[in-house]
Structure formats: structure tokens, C-alpha cells
Amino acid sequence: MKLLEDMIREKGVVKAGNVLKVDSFLNHQMDIKLFNEMGKEFKRIFADKPINKILTIEASGIGIACVAAQYFDAPVVFAKKAQSINIDGDVYSTSITSFTHKREYQVIVSKKYLSSDDHVLIIDDFLANGCALKGLIELVKDAGATVEGIGIAVEKGFQDGGQIIRDMGVNLHSLAIVDSMNDATGEIVFRQE
């Protein structure tokens, strides 16, 4: 998606350790006009799928998922990274490792909000090593629901997460795929499809 790539080129910052900082428009301060265009693009990509629920993980995927949800007329459920007193009853639970935070999280979704009747689109901001997505896929499967697809804002194509998820046979689409980054020069190269 050219609009997203242009925004990454203009405002993204490449940091050491394969970190792409896009917090000025994607995952701290959010550019809602950009999110709106991303939502339209996700709807175009997954228009033929019977999506009735969108699943993401807290926190950075929530904004994108919520804006996209209006195009699918579907509710958004987000996997929480901690049990709270607000979640009563049974939950689906799995463990994921965050590339960004370098730690393991137990993520949960209430069984009230994910069932075998659901056709799920998973949406997230970044795809690096694929751990978060594998965890979300596991939650959907545990519920007996169907993963209709995965929409990612930015995929780090030089890491193996995208290939791992695609090898699982999941319908994965990333709006921008970064093939390489150079923290010394700030150069970002995108995959051309």
C-alpha cells in the first residue's frame, strides 16, 4: 500500500536491532486517516470472506482493528495480556513471545466473545517472528472458529514470521513489507509485489 509505505519512509525511524519506529503515526500516536485507508484496503482484500469478527492483541493492533471493523460491520475482540477481575468465566489462553518487548505473555480471550460460529479476521500492526500471530491462530482454533485471513500493517520481510504463517496455509496479507532496513543510513527497502 503506497500510502503506508510513503508514511513509513517519511516518518519511520530505523533503529539498531532491526527496530522500525513508527510511533508517530501507527502505534503510539495514531493517524486515523491512514487507518481509515488501511481499513478500506483490508476490506478490499478480504471482501469475499464471511468475516463476522475481528481479533487482535493488545495494545497496538486495537486502533487499526477498530477502524477496519467498520468496513466489515463486525465487532473487535482483543486478546488481553493479563487476567483481570473484569474477565469472568472461562477463557481461551495461550503463551506468546513479543519481539518488541523481549518477553513472554500469557494472552487470553473470554469464551463469551469467540465461538465456533465465528469467521475471524486477525489484524495486527507488525509481523516480525510470527509468535503473536501463532498465538492468536491457536486461540481461534481452540474456540472452533475459522481464521478467514490475517491483515498486517507492516511485515518485516527479512524475518521469518511471514513465511512461517504462510506455510501454515493461512491467508496472510501485509500492507507494507519491509525487505531491508539500515540503521546507519535510515534506508528502508520495500518488497514490490
Protein backbone atom coordinates (compact mmCIF):
# COMPACT_ATOMS: atom_id res chain seq x y z
CA MET A 1 0.00 0.00 0.00
CA LYS A 2 1.78 3.06 -1.29
CA LEU A 3 0.24 5.48 1.22
CA LEU A 4 1.55 3.43 4.15
CA GLU A 5 4.97 2.93 2.55
CA ASP A 6 5.25 6.68 1.91
CA MET A 7 4.36 7.41 5.54
CA ILE A 8 6.98 4.91 6.76
CA ARG A 9 9.62 6.49 4.50
CA GLU A 10 8.72 9.99 5.67
CA LYS A 11 8.20 9.43 9.40
CA GLY A 12 9.63 6.00 10.24
CA VAL A 13 12.91 5.71 12.09
CA VAL A 14 15.22 2.71 11.74
CA LYS A 15 16.95 1.80 14.99
CA ALA A 16 19.61 -0.77 15.83
CA GLY A 17 18.39 -4.33 16.38
CA ASN A 18 16.01 -4.40 13.38
CA VAL A 19 13.59 -1.98 15.06
CA LEU A 20 11.37 0.19 12.87
CA LYS A 21 9.94 3.01 14.96
CA VAL A 22 6.59 4.21 13.59
CA ASP A 23 5.10 5.54 16.80
CA SER A 24 4.33 9.00 15.38
CA PHE A 25 1.54 7.60 13.18
CA LEU A 26 0.92 3.88 13.78
CA ASN A 27 1.35 2.56 17.29
CA HIS A 28 1.57 5.38 19.82
CA GLN A 29 0.11 8.43 18.12
CA MET A 30 -2.36 7.14 15.53
CA ASP A 31 -3.11 8.68 12.14
CA ILE A 32 -6.82 7.88 11.78
CA LYS A 33 -6.99 8.98 8.13
CA LEU A 34 -4.23 6.46 7.38
CA PHE A 35 -6.03 3.80 9.47
CA ASN A 36 -9.21 4.50 7.52
CA GLU A 37 -7.44 3.85 4.21
CA MET A 38 -5.88 0.71 5.67
CA GLY A 39 -9.34 -0.45 6.76
CA LYS A 40 -10.69 0.07 3.25
CA GLU A 41 -7.77 -1.91 1.84
CA PHE A 42 -8.32 -4.80 4.26
CA LYS A 43 -11.99 -4.85 3.24
CA ARG A 44 -11.00 -4.94 -0.45
CA ILE A 45 -8.55 -7.79 0.16
CA PHE A 46 -10.91 -9.89 2.27
CA ALA A 47 -14.21 -8.88 0.61
CA ASP A 48 -15.05 -12.47 -0.39
CA LYS A 49 -14.66 -13.85 3.15
CA PRO A 50 -17.63 -14.23 5.56
CA ILE A 51 -15.90 -12.28 8.36
CA ASN A 52 -18.08 -11.65 11.40
CA LYS A 53 -15.37 -10.96 13.99
CA ILE A 54 -12.01 -9.21 14.08
CA LEU A 55 -9.35 -10.36 16.54
CA THR A 56 -6.22 -8.51 17.56
CA ILE A 57 -3.87 -8.38 20.53
CA GLU A 58 -3.40 -5.51 22.93
CA ALA A 59 -2.31 -2.87 22.54
CA SER A 60 -1.00 -1.59 19.21
CA GLY A 61 -3.33 -3.59 16.97
CA ILE A 62 -6.51 -2.31 18.62
CA GLY A 63 -6.71 1.04 16.83
CA ILE A 64 -6.18 -0.44 13.38
CA ALA A 65 -8.64 -3.27 14.08
CA CYS A 66 -11.33 -0.87 15.33
CA VAL A 67 -11.12 1.40 12.31
CA ALA A 68 -11.08 -1.58 9.93
CA ALA A 69 -14.06 -3.17 11.71
CA GLN A 70 -16.45 -0.51 10.44
CA TYR A 71 -15.93 -1.83 6.89
CA PHE A 72 -16.75 -5.38 7.96
CA ASP A 73 -19.64 -4.41 10.26
CA ALA A 74 -18.06 -6.74 12.80
CA PRO A 75 -17.05 -6.40 16.44
CA VAL A 76 -13.42 -6.36 17.54
CA VAL A 77 -12.12 -8.71 20.22
CA PHE A 78 -8.65 -8.20 21.59
CA ALA A 79 -6.55 -10.77 23.36
CA LYS A 80 -5.55 -9.39 26.74
CA LYS A 81 -2.02 -9.82 28.03
CA ALA A 82 -3.13 -10.22 31.62
CA GLN A 83 -6.04 -11.72 33.53
CA SER A 84 -8.15 -9.06 35.21
CA ILE A 85 -11.13 -9.03 37.52
CA ASN A 86 -13.18 -7.69 34.61
CA ILE A 87 -12.95 -11.03 32.82
CA ASP A 88 -15.25 -13.51 34.42
CA GLY A 89 -15.80 -17.10 33.41
CA ASP A 90 -13.84 -19.33 31.09
CA VAL A 91 -11.13 -18.07 28.78
CA TYR A 92 -9.05 -19.31 25.89
CA SER A 93 -5.39 -18.87 26.76
CA THR A 94 -2.03 -19.22 25.07
CA SER A 95 1.54 -18.05 25.51
CA ILE A 96 3.28 -15.68 23.09
CA THR A 97 6.72 -14.09 22.96
CA SER A 98 6.89 -10.43 21.97
CA PHE A 99 9.69 -9.44 19.56
CA THR A 100 9.39 -5.80 20.64
CA HIS A 101 9.30 -6.34 24.39
CA LYS A 102 11.53 -9.44 24.50
CA ARG A 103 9.26 -11.19 26.96
CA GLU A 104 6.63 -13.88 27.15
CA TYR A 105 2.97 -13.08 27.74
CA GLN A 106 0.01 -15.24 28.61
CA VAL A 107 -2.81 -13.91 26.41
CA ILE A 108 -6.48 -14.58 26.98
CA VAL A 109 -9.86 -14.14 25.31
CA SER A 110 -13.13 -14.72 27.09
CA LYS A 111 -15.05 -17.71 25.72
CA LYS A 112 -18.08 -15.39 25.60
CA TYR A 113 -16.57 -13.49 22.67
CA LEU A 114 -15.11 -16.22 20.46
CA SER A 115 -17.06 -19.29 19.35
CA SER A 116 -17.33 -21.93 16.68
CA ASP A 117 -19.78 -19.67 14.79
CA ASP A 118 -17.10 -17.06 14.20
CA HIS A 119 -15.26 -16.35 10.95
CA VAL A 120 -12.28 -14.34 12.12
CA LEU A 121 -10.01 -11.78 10.51
CA ILE A 122 -6.88 -11.29 12.62
CA ILE A 123 -5.40 -7.78 12.38
CA ASP A 124 -2.14 -6.50 13.87
CA ASP A 125 0.29 -3.64 13.39
CA PHE A 126 3.55 -5.60 12.95
CA LEU A 127 4.67 -9.05 11.89
CA ALA A 128 8.26 -9.99 12.77
CA ASN A 129 8.80 -13.53 14.06
CA GLY A 130 5.14 -14.59 13.94
CA CYS A 131 4.79 -15.59 17.61
CA ALA A 132 1.85 -13.29 18.33
CA LEU A 133 0.02 -14.48 15.21
CA LYS A 134 0.62 -18.14 16.01
CA GLY A 135 -0.86 -17.49 19.44
CA LEU A 136 -3.92 -15.73 18.01
CA ILE A 137 -4.43 -18.54 15.48
CA GLU A 138 -4.27 -21.02 18.36
CA LEU A 139 -6.95 -19.09 20.27
CA VAL A 140 -9.25 -19.12 17.22
CA LYS A 141 -8.72 -22.85 16.70
CA ASP A 142 -9.31 -23.55 20.40
CA ALA A 143 -12.69 -21.82 20.02
CA GLY A 144 -13.53 -23.97 16.99
CA ALA A 145 -13.76 -20.77 14.93
CA THR A 146 -12.35 -20.24 11.43
CA VAL A 147 -9.39 -17.98 10.57
CA GLU A 148 -10.51 -16.36 7.32
CA GLY A 149 -7.37 -14.30 7.00
CA ILE A 150 -4.74 -12.12 8.61
CA GLY A 151 -4.19 -8.45 7.83
CA ILE A 152 -0.92 -6.85 8.89
CA ALA A 153 0.06 -3.21 8.57
CA VAL A 154 3.85 -3.71 8.42
CA GLU A 155 5.67 -7.00 7.88
CA LYS A 156 9.41 -7.33 8.35
CA GLY A 157 10.01 -9.50 5.29
CA PHE A 158 13.61 -10.14 6.29
CA GLN A 159 12.41 -12.02 9.39
CA ASP A 160 10.79 -15.42 9.15
CA GLY A 161 7.35 -14.75 10.66
CA GLY A 162 5.57 -14.10 7.38
CA GLN A 163 6.91 -17.26 5.81
CA ILE A 164 6.02 -19.33 8.89
CA ILE A 165 2.41 -18.10 8.83
CA ARG A 166 2.07 -18.52 5.06
CA ASP A 167 3.48 -22.06 5.33
CA MET A 168 0.64 -22.81 7.76
CA GLY A 169 -1.74 -22.20 4.86
CA VAL A 170 -3.20 -19.01 6.32
CA ASN A 171 -4.41 -16.24 4.01
CA LEU A 172 -1.94 -13.53 5.09
CA HIS A 173 -1.77 -10.05 3.55
CA SER A 174 0.58 -7.30 4.69
CA LEU A 175 0.02 -3.73 3.51
CA ALA A 176 3.75 -2.93 3.57
CA ILE A 177 6.55 -5.49 3.55
CA VAL A 178 9.98 -4.20 4.53
CA ASP A 179 12.68 -6.26 2.81
CA SER A 180 15.60 -4.47 4.44
CA MET A 181 16.48 -1.60 6.76
CA ASN A 182 19.75 0.13 7.50
CA ASP A 183 20.05 1.85 10.87
CA ALA A 184 23.21 3.70 9.78
CA THR A 185 21.61 5.33 6.74
CA GLY A 186 17.93 5.10 7.67
CA GLU A 187 17.22 3.43 4.33
CA ILE A 188 14.09 1.26 4.12
CA VAL A 189 13.51 -1.02 1.13
CA PHE A 190 10.00 -2.36 0.48
CA ARG A 191 9.06 -5.53 -1.36
CA GLN A 192 7.34 -4.83 -4.63
CA GLU A 193 4.56 -7.27 -5.40
